[in-house]
Amino acid sequence: MLKTIIVALDSTDLSQRVIQSLDELQIQPATKIILTHVMSPPESDMETAVDRPHTSEELLYRQIEKQLQSYQAQLPCERELELAIGEP
């Protein structure tokens, strides 16, 4: 029996297929699934145009978080979300 499964997801349609494939693993209620997504770091202030909105990273973060929450709702066991900023 698998105790913990870490699932790395991105923002493509492939992520939905990955979530669906978890059904094939016959996950038990005691299994813990950690859904992860790594976002690229934001540009430094020196590289950002002055007239460009600065909320784009926050908006993207919220969109990804919402998508992960919808995947999380499909899972029949304990689950966590992990969003990180770094180089994937």
PDB file of N, CA and C in Angstrom:
ATOM      1  N   MET A   1       0.830  -1.179   0.000  1.00  0.00           N
ATOM      2  CA  MET A   1       0.000   0.000   0.000  1.00  0.00           C
ATOM      3  C   MET A   1       0.880   1.250   0.000  1.00  0.00           C
ATOM      4  N   LEU A   2       0.524   2.206  -0.830  1.00  0.00           N
ATOM      5  CA  LEU A   2       1.257   3.460  -0.901  1.00  0.00           C
ATOM      6  C   LEU A   2       0.794   4.382   0.223  1.00  0.00           C
ATOM      7  N   LYS A   3       1.759   4.965   0.955  1.00  0.00           N
ATOM      8  CA  LYS A   3       1.400   5.844   2.068  1.00  0.00           C
ATOM      9  C   LYS A   3       1.307   7.299   1.633  1.00  0.00           C
ATOM     10  N   THR A   4       2.278   7.742   0.837  1.00  0.00           N
ATOM     11  CA  THR A   4       2.306   9.128   0.377  1.00  0.00           C
ATOM     12  C   THR A   4       2.671   9.148  -1.097  1.00  0.00           C
ATOM     13  N   ILE A   5       1.921   9.932  -1.863  1.00  0.00           N
ATOM     14  CA  ILE A   5       2.182  10.086  -3.290  1.00  0.00           C
ATOM     15  C   ILE A   5       2.335  11.578  -3.560  1.00  0.00           C
ATOM     16  N   ILE A   6       3.447  11.959  -4.169  1.00  0.00           N
ATOM     17  CA  ILE A   6       3.659  13.347  -4.566  1.00  0.00           C
ATOM     18  C   ILE A   6       3.392  13.432  -6.062  1.00  0.00           C
ATOM     19  N   VAL A   7       2.488  14.324  -6.442  1.00  0.00           N
ATOM     20  CA  VAL A   7       2.083  14.460  -7.836  1.00  0.00           C
ATOM     21  C   VAL A   7       2.480  15.854  -8.310  1.00  0.00           C
ATOM     22  N   ALA A   8       3.417  15.923  -9.252  1.00  0.00           N
ATOM     23  CA  ALA A   8       3.847  17.199  -9.824  1.00  0.00           C
ATOM     24  C   ALA A   8       2.953  17.534 -11.012  1.00  0.00           C
ATOM     25  N   LEU A   9       2.351  18.709 -10.964  1.00  0.00           N
ATOM     26  CA  LEU A   9       1.420  19.128 -12.009  1.00  0.00           C
ATOM     27  C   LEU A   9       1.870  20.444 -12.624  1.00  0.00           C
ATOM     28  N   ASP A  10       1.399  20.683 -13.849  1.00  0.00           N
ATOM     29  CA  ASP A  10       1.642  21.966 -14.495  1.00  0.00           C
ATOM     30  C   ASP A  10       0.302  22.537 -14.933  1.00  0.00           C
ATOM     31  N   SER A  11       0.323  23.511 -15.797  1.00  0.00           N
ATOM     32  CA  SER A  11      -0.922  24.167 -16.208  1.00  0.00           C
ATOM     33  C   SER A  11      -1.442  23.655 -17.550  1.00  0.00           C
ATOM     34  N   THR A  12      -1.106  22.432 -17.914  1.00  0.00           N
ATOM     35  CA  THR A  12      -1.547  21.885 -19.192  1.00  0.00           C
ATOM     36  C   THR A  12      -2.673  20.875 -18.985  1.00  0.00           C
ATOM     37  N   ASP A  13      -3.251  20.423 -20.092  1.00  0.00           N
ATOM     38  CA  ASP A  13      -4.313  19.414 -20.041  1.00  0.00           C
ATOM     39  C   ASP A  13      -3.796  18.079 -19.509  1.00  0.00           C
ATOM     40  N   LEU A  14      -2.514  17.865 -19.596  1.00  0.00           N
ATOM     41  CA  LEU A  14      -1.920  16.626 -19.102  1.00  0.00           C
ATOM     42  C   LEU A  14      -2.178  16.444 -17.603  1.00  0.00           C
ATOM     43  N   SER A  15      -2.275  17.530 -16.874  1.00  0.00           N
ATOM     44  CA  SER A  15      -2.515  17.449 -15.430  1.00  0.00           C
ATOM     45  C   SER A  15      -3.816  16.727 -15.117  1.00  0.00           C
ATOM     46  N   GLN A  16      -4.859  16.996 -15.872  1.00  0.00           N
ATOM     47  CA  GLN A  16      -6.142  16.319 -15.642  1.00  0.00           C
ATOM     48  C   GLN A  16      -6.005  14.821 -15.878  1.00  0.00           C
ATOM     49  N   ARG A  17      -5.241  14.434 -16.891  1.00  0.00           N
ATOM     50  CA  ARG A  17      -5.034  13.003 -17.150  1.00  0.00           C
ATOM     51  C   ARG A  17      -4.231  12.353 -16.033  1.00  0.00           C
ATOM     52  N   VAL A  18      -3.295  13.093 -15.464  1.00  0.00           N
ATOM     53  CA  VAL A  18      -2.514  12.569 -14.339  1.00  0.00           C
ATOM     54  C   VAL A  18      -3.439  12.312 -13.151  1.00  0.00           C
ATOM     55  N   ILE A  19      -4.323  13.249 -12.858  1.00  0.00           N
ATOM     56  CA  ILE A  19      -5.272  13.082 -11.754  1.00  0.00           C
ATOM     57  C   ILE A  19      -6.162  11.870 -12.009  1.00  0.00           C
ATOM     58  N   GLN A  20      -6.636  11.716 -13.234  1.00  0.00           N
ATOM     59  CA  GLN A  20      -7.492  10.575 -13.569  1.00  0.00           C
ATOM     60  C   GLN A  20      -6.735   9.254 -13.435  1.00  0.00           C
ATOM     61  N   SER A  21      -5.446   9.266 -13.745  1.00  0.00           N
ATOM     62  CA  SER A  21      -4.663   8.030 -13.658  1.00  0.00           C
ATOM     63  C   SER A  21      -4.441   7.585 -12.210  1.00  0.00           C
ATOM     64  N   LEU A  22      -4.639   8.479 -11.251  1.00  0.00           N
ATOM     65  CA  LEU A  22      -4.510   8.087  -9.845  1.00  0.00           C
ATOM     66  C   LEU A  22      -5.534   7.018  -9.475  1.00  0.00           C
ATOM     67  N   ASP A  23      -6.656   6.978 -10.182  1.00  0.00           N
ATOM     68  CA  ASP A  23      -7.672   5.946  -9.929  1.00  0.00           C
ATOM     69  C   ASP A  23      -7.113   4.545 -10.143  1.00  0.00           C
ATOM     70  N   GLU A  24      -6.181   4.418 -11.067  1.00  0.00           N
ATOM     71  CA  GLU A  24      -5.594   3.115 -11.367  1.00  0.00           C
ATOM     72  C   GLU A  24      -4.730   2.592 -10.223  1.00  0.00           C
ATOM     73  N   LEU A  25      -4.317   3.473  -9.336  1.00  0.00           N
ATOM     74  CA  LEU A  25      -3.455   3.068  -8.222  1.00  0.00           C
ATOM     75  C   LEU A  25      -4.240   2.467  -7.061  1.00  0.00           C
ATOM     76  N   GLN A  26      -5.537   2.472  -7.141  1.00  0.00           N
ATOM     77  CA  GLN A  26      -6.398   1.950  -6.078  1.00  0.00           C
ATOM     78  C   GLN A  26      -6.007   2.556  -4.724  1.00  0.00           C
ATOM     79  N   ILE A  27      -6.116   3.846  -4.662  1.00  0.00           N
ATOM     80  CA  ILE A  27      -5.725   4.604  -3.480  1.00  0.00           C
ATOM     81  C   ILE A  27      -6.647   4.283  -2.305  1.00  0.00           C
ATOM     82  N   GLN A  28      -6.038   4.047  -1.162  1.00  0.00           N
ATOM     83  CA  GLN A  28      -6.761   3.762   0.077  1.00  0.00           C
ATOM     84  C   GLN A  28      -7.055   5.077   0.808  1.00  0.00           C
ATOM     85  N   PRO A  29      -8.064   5.099   1.656  1.00  0.00           N
ATOM     86  CA  PRO A  29      -8.364   6.323   2.416  1.00  0.00           C
ATOM     87  C   PRO A  29      -7.188   6.805   3.272  1.00  0.00           C
ATOM     88  N   ALA A  30      -6.315   5.898   3.677  1.00  0.00           N
ATOM     89  CA  ALA A  30      -5.166   6.277   4.508  1.00  0.00           C
ATOM     90  C   ALA A  30      -4.015   6.866   3.692  1.00  0.00           C
ATOM     91  N   THR A  31      -4.092   6.778   2.382  1.00  0.00           N
ATOM     92  CA  THR A  31      -3.042   7.324   1.522  1.00  0.00           C
ATOM     93  C   THR A  31      -3.112   8.847   1.537  1.00  0.00           C
ATOM     94  N   LYS A  32      -1.948   9.473   1.520  1.00  0.00           N
ATOM     95  CA  LYS A  32      -1.872  10.933   1.467  1.00  0.00           C
ATOM     96  C   LYS A  32      -1.323  11.322   0.099  1.00  0.00           C
ATOM     97  N   ILE A  33      -2.013  12.233  -0.581  1.00  0.00           N
ATOM     98  CA  ILE A  33      -1.560  12.708  -1.888  1.00  0.00           C
ATOM     99  C   ILE A  33      -1.207  14.184  -1.762  1.00  0.00           C
ATOM    100  N   ILE A  34      -0.021  14.531  -2.217  1.00  0.00           N
ATOM    101  CA  ILE A  34       0.434  15.916  -2.205  1.00  0.00           C
ATOM    102  C   ILE A  34       0.485  16.393  -3.651  1.00  0.00           C
ATOM    103  N   LEU A  35      -0.370  17.349  -3.984  1.00  0.00           N
ATOM    104  CA  LEU A  35      -0.387  17.933  -5.317  1.00  0.00           C
ATOM    105  C   LEU A  35       0.558  19.125  -5.316  1.00  0.00           C
ATOM    106  N   THR A  36       1.526  19.128  -6.228  1.00  0.00           N
ATOM    107  CA  THR A  36       2.525  20.189  -6.250  1.00  0.00           C
ATOM    108  C   THR A  36       2.552  20.900  -7.592  1.00  0.00           C
ATOM    109  N   HIS A  37       2.923  22.151  -7.549  1.00  0.00           N
ATOM    110  CA  HIS A  37       3.128  22.949  -8.756  1.00  0.00           C
ATOM    111  C   HIS A  37       4.246  23.929  -8.441  1.00  0.00           C
ATOM    112  N   VAL A  38       5.255  23.988  -9.307  1.00  0.00           N
ATOM    113  CA  VAL A  38       6.366  24.915  -9.121  1.00  0.00           C
ATOM    114  C   VAL A  38       6.253  26.001 -10.184  1.00  0.00           C
ATOM    115  N   MET A  39       6.150  27.232  -9.725  1.00  0.00           N
ATOM    116  CA  MET A  39       6.071  28.384 -10.630  1.00  0.00           C
ATOM    117  C   MET A  39       7.460  28.974 -10.812  1.00  0.00           C
ATOM    118  N   SER A  40       7.727  29.483 -12.003  1.00  0.00           N
ATOM    119  CA  SER A  40       8.991  30.172 -12.244  1.00  0.00           C
ATOM    120  C   SER A  40       9.034  31.437 -11.398  1.00  0.00           C
ATOM    121  N   PRO A  41      10.226  31.817 -10.936  1.00  0.00           N
ATOM    122  CA  PRO A  41      10.318  33.027 -10.114  1.00  0.00           C
ATOM    123  C   PRO A  41       9.938  34.260 -10.928  1.00  0.00           C
ATOM    124  N   PRO A  42       9.361  35.266 -10.271  1.00  0.00           N
ATOM    125  CA  PRO A  42       9.005  36.495 -10.989  1.00  0.00           C
ATOM    126  C   PRO A  42      10.260  37.219 -11.457  1.00  0.00           C
ATOM    127  N   GLU A  43      10.073  38.033 -12.477  1.00  0.00           N
ATOM    128  CA  GLU A  43      11.194  38.833 -12.958  1.00  0.00           C
ATOM    129  C   GLU A  43      11.605  39.808 -11.865  1.00  0.00           C
ATOM    130  N   SER A  44      12.871  40.161 -11.856  1.00  0.00           N
ATOM    131  CA  SER A  44      13.310  41.152 -10.871  1.00  0.00           C
ATOM    132  C   SER A  44      12.721  42.506 -11.243  1.00  0.00           C
ATOM    133  N   ASP A  45      12.668  43.407 -10.291  1.00  0.00           N
ATOM    134  CA  ASP A  45      12.117  44.738 -10.548  1.00  0.00           C
ATOM    135  C   ASP A  45      12.890  45.473 -11.631  1.00  0.00           C
ATOM    136  N   MET A  46      14.142  45.152 -11.789  1.00  0.00           N
ATOM    137  CA  MET A  46      14.960  45.810 -12.805  1.00  0.00           C
ATOM    138  C   MET A  46      14.529  45.391 -14.210  1.00  0.00           C
ATOM    139  N   GLU A  47      13.938  44.208 -14.356  1.00  0.00           N
ATOM    140  CA  GLU A  47      13.558  43.696 -15.663  1.00  0.00           C
ATOM    141  C   GLU A  47      12.093  43.952 -15.993  1.00  0.00           C
ATOM    142  N   THR A  48      11.312  44.442 -15.050  1.00  0.00           N
ATOM    143  CA  THR A  48       9.888  44.661 -15.251  1.00  0.00           C
ATOM    144  C   THR A  48       9.642  46.072 -15.776  1.00  0.00           C
ATOM    145  N   ALA A  49       8.862  46.177 -16.839  1.00  0.00           N
ATOM    146  CA  ALA A  49       8.532  47.489 -17.392  1.00  0.00           C
ATOM    147  C   ALA A  49       7.684  48.267 -16.390  1.00  0.00           C
ATOM    148  N   VAL A  50       7.894  49.555 -16.333  1.00  0.00           N
ATOM    149  CA  VAL A  50       7.205  50.396 -15.366  1.00  0.00           C
ATOM    150  C   VAL A  50       5.701  50.407 -15.614  1.00  0.00           C
ATOM    151  N   ASP A  51       5.294  50.374 -16.875  1.00  0.00           N
ATOM    152  CA  ASP A  51       3.869  50.456 -17.185  1.00  0.00           C
ATOM    153  C   ASP A  51       3.164  49.102 -17.165  1.00  0.00           C
ATOM    154  N   ARG A  52       3.869  48.066 -16.801  1.00  0.00           N
ATOM    155  CA  ARG A  52       3.286  46.723 -16.751  1.00  0.00           C
ATOM    156  C   ARG A  52       2.651  46.483 -15.384  1.00  0.00           C
ATOM    157  N   PRO A  53       1.439  45.924 -15.341  1.00  0.00           N
ATOM    158  CA  PRO A  53       0.821  45.634 -14.037  1.00  0.00           C
ATOM    159  C   PRO A  53       1.676  44.667 -13.224  1.00  0.00           C
ATOM    160  N   HIS A  54       1.757  44.898 -11.947  1.00  0.00           N
ATOM    161  CA  HIS A  54       2.597  44.070 -11.085  1.00  0.00           C
ATOM    162  C   HIS A  54       1.830  42.935 -10.427  1.00  0.00           C
ATOM    163  N   THR A  55       0.563  42.779 -10.726  1.00  0.00           N
ATOM    164  CA  THR A  55      -0.237  41.741 -10.088  1.00  0.00           C
ATOM    165  C   THR A  55      -0.312  40.457 -10.906  1.00  0.00           C
ATOM    166  N   SER A  56       0.379  40.381 -12.035  1.00  0.00           N
ATOM    167  CA  SER A  56       0.252  39.205 -12.897  1.00  0.00           C
ATOM    168  C   SER A  56       0.721  37.929 -12.197  1.00  0.00           C
ATOM    169  N   GLU A  57       1.785  38.001 -11.410  1.00  0.00           N
ATOM    170  CA  GLU A  57       2.259  36.817 -10.705  1.00  0.00           C
ATOM    171  C   GLU A  57       1.236  36.357  -9.666  1.00  0.00           C
ATOM    172  N   GLU A  58       0.642  37.316  -8.963  1.00  0.00           N
ATOM    173  CA  GLU A  58      -0.361  36.965  -7.957  1.00  0.00           C
ATOM    174  C   GLU A  58      -1.601  36.371  -8.622  1.00  0.00           C
ATOM    175  N   LEU A  59      -2.005  36.918  -9.747  1.00  0.00           N
ATOM    176  CA  LEU A  59      -3.161  36.395 -10.477  1.00  0.00           C
ATOM    177  C   LEU A  59      -2.889  34.971 -10.947  1.00  0.00           C
ATOM    178  N   LEU A  60      -1.711  34.740 -11.494  1.00  0.00           N
ATOM    179  CA  LEU A  60      -1.337  33.395 -11.939  1.00  0.00           C
ATOM    180  C   LEU A  60      -1.327  32.423 -10.759  1.00  0.00           C
ATOM    181  N   TYR A  61      -0.780  32.857  -9.633  1.00  0.00           N
ATOM    182  CA  TYR A  61      -0.740  32.022  -8.430  1.00  0.00           C
ATOM    183  C   TYR A  61      -2.156  31.614  -8.024  1.00  0.00           C
ATOM    184  N   ARG A  62      -3.072  32.570  -8.011  1.00  0.00           N
ATOM    185  CA  ARG A  62      -4.464  32.290  -7.620  1.00  0.00           C
ATOM    186  C   ARG A  62      -5.138  31.332  -8.601  1.00  0.00           C
ATOM    187  N   GLN A  63      -4.858  31.481  -9.898  1.00  0.00           N
ATOM    188  CA  GLN A  63      -5.439  30.583 -10.900  1.00  0.00           C
ATOM    189  C   GLN A  63      -4.933  29.157 -10.708  1.00  0.00           C
ATOM    190  N   ILE A  64      -3.645  29.019 -10.473  1.00  0.00           N
ATOM    191  CA  ILE A  64      -3.060  27.692 -10.265  1.00  0.00           C
ATOM    192  C   ILE A  64      -3.602  27.081  -8.978  1.00  0.00           C
ATOM    193  N   GLU A  65      -3.685  27.879  -7.930  1.00  0.00           N
ATOM    194  CA  GLU A  65      -4.222  27.388  -6.660  1.00  0.00           C
ATOM    195  C   GLU A  65      -5.663  26.898  -6.831  1.00  0.00           C
ATOM    196  N   LYS A  66      -6.462  27.638  -7.558  1.00  0.00           N
ATOM    197  CA  LYS A  66      -7.854  27.247  -7.799  1.00  0.00           C
ATOM    198  C   LYS A  66      -7.924  25.934  -8.580  1.00  0.00           C
ATOM    199  N   GLN A  67      -7.058  25.774  -9.582  1.00  0.00           N
ATOM    200  CA  GLN A  67      -7.035  24.536 -10.363  1.00  0.00           C
ATOM    201  C   GLN A  67      -6.630  23.351  -9.485  1.00  0.00           C
ATOM    202  N   LEU A  68      -5.615  23.535  -8.651  1.00  0.00           N
ATOM    203  CA  LEU A  68      -5.191  22.458  -7.757  1.00  0.00           C
ATOM    204  C   LEU A  68      -6.299  22.093  -6.767  1.00  0.00           C
ATOM    205  N   GLN A  69      -7.030  23.080  -6.301  1.00  0.00           N
ATOM    206  CA  GLN A  69      -8.139  22.801  -5.385  1.00  0.00           C
ATOM    207  C   GLN A  69      -9.229  21.979  -6.070  1.00  0.00           C
ATOM    208  N   SER A  70      -9.456  22.227  -7.357  1.00  0.00           N
ATOM    209  CA  SER A  70     -10.459  21.421  -8.069  1.00  0.00           C
ATOM    210  C   SER A  70      -9.970  19.987  -8.230  1.00  0.00           C
ATOM    211  N   TYR A  71      -8.678  19.790  -8.475  1.00  0.00           N
ATOM    212  CA  TYR A  71      -8.122  18.431  -8.534  1.00  0.00           C
ATOM    213  C   TYR A  71      -8.223  17.773  -7.159  1.00  0.00           C
ATOM    214  N   GLN A  72      -7.917  18.547  -6.132  1.00  0.00           N
ATOM    215  CA  GLN A  72      -7.938  18.044  -4.761  1.00  0.00           C
ATOM    216  C   GLN A  72      -9.325  17.508  -4.399  1.00  0.00           C
ATOM    217  N   ALA A  73     -10.357  18.172  -4.851  1.00  0.00           N
ATOM    218  CA  ALA A  73     -11.731  17.763  -4.541  1.00  0.00           C
ATOM    219  C   ALA A  73     -12.089  16.414  -5.166  1.00  0.00           C
ATOM    220  N   GLN A  74     -11.348  15.988  -6.182  1.00  0.00           N
ATOM    221  CA  GLN A  74     -11.620  14.725  -6.865  1.00  0.00           C
ATOM    222  C   GLN A  74     -10.996  13.523  -6.159  1.00  0.00           C
ATOM    223  N   LEU A  75     -10.168  13.768  -5.167  1.00  0.00           N
ATOM    224  CA  LEU A  75      -9.413  12.685  -4.539  1.00  0.00           C
ATOM    225  C   LEU A  75     -10.131  12.143  -3.306  1.00  0.00           C
ATOM    226  N   PRO A  76     -10.169  10.810  -3.168  1.00  0.00           N
ATOM    227  CA  PRO A  76     -10.912  10.173  -2.075  1.00  0.00           C
ATOM    228  C   PRO A  76     -10.084   9.911  -0.817  1.00  0.00           C
ATOM    229  N   CYS A  77      -9.057  10.699  -0.591  1.00  0.00           N
ATOM    230  CA  CYS A  77      -8.169  10.424   0.541  1.00  0.00           C
ATOM    231  C   CYS A  77      -7.639  11.740   1.092  1.00  0.00           C
ATOM    232  N   GLU A  78      -6.738  11.632   2.068  1.00  0.00           N
ATOM    233  CA  GLU A  78      -6.089  12.818   2.623  1.00  0.00           C
ATOM    234  C   GLU A  78      -5.256  13.471   1.528  1.00  0.00           C
ATOM    235  N   ARG A  79      -5.271  14.801   1.474  1.00  0.00           N
ATOM    236  CA  ARG A  79      -4.531  15.480   0.418  1.00  0.00           C
ATOM    237  C   ARG A  79      -4.039  16.845   0.880  1.00  0.00           C
ATOM    238  N   GLU A  80      -2.981  17.300   0.209  1.00  0.00           N
ATOM    239  CA  GLU A  80      -2.365  18.595   0.498  1.00  0.00           C
ATOM    240  C   GLU A  80      -2.047  19.284  -0.812  1.00  0.00           C
ATOM    241  N   LEU A  81      -1.915  20.596  -0.755  1.00  0.00           N
ATOM    242  CA  LEU A  81      -1.458  21.379  -1.896  1.00  0.00           C
ATOM    243  C   LEU A  81      -0.121  22.000  -1.548  1.00  0.00           C
ATOM    244  N   GLU A  82       0.783  21.996  -2.500  1.00  0.00           N
ATOM    245  CA  GLU A  82       2.078  22.645  -2.329  1.00  0.00           C
ATOM    246  C   GLU A  82       2.337  23.483  -3.569  1.00  0.00           C
ATOM    247  N   LEU A  83       2.382  24.793  -3.417  1.00  0.00           N
ATOM    248  CA  LEU A  83       2.762  25.689  -4.496  1.00  0.00           C
ATOM    249  C   LEU A  83       4.096  26.294  -4.115  1.00  0.00           C
ATOM    250  N   ALA A  84       5.033  26.250  -5.030  1.00  0.00           N
ATOM    251  CA  ALA A  84       6.364  26.761  -4.746  1.00  0.00           C
ATOM    252  C   ALA A  84       6.823  27.650  -5.893  1.00  0.00           C
ATOM    253  N   ILE A  85       7.743  28.529  -5.587  1.00  0.00           N
ATOM    254  CA  ILE A  85       8.341  29.377  -6.610  1.00  0.00           C
ATOM    255  C   ILE A  85       9.799  28.974  -6.718  1.00  0.00           C
ATOM    256  N   GLY A  86      10.226  28.697  -7.930  1.00  0.00           N
ATOM    257  CA  GLY A  86      11.591  28.266  -8.176  1.00  0.00           C
ATOM    258  C   GLY A  86      11.722  27.794  -9.601  1.00  0.00           C
ATOM    259  N   GLU A  87      12.810  27.180  -9.903  1.00  0.00           N
ATOM    260  CA  GLU A  87      13.025  26.633 -11.239  1.00  0.00           C
ATOM    261  C   GLU A  87      12.512  25.204 -11.270  1.00  0.00           C
ATOM    262  N   PRO A  88      11.482  24.934 -12.095  1.00  0.00           N
ATOM    263  CA  PRO A  88      10.907  23.575 -12.143  1.00  0.00           C
ATOM    264  C   PRO A  88      11.882  22.588 -12.638  1.00  0.00           C
TER     265      PRO A  88
END
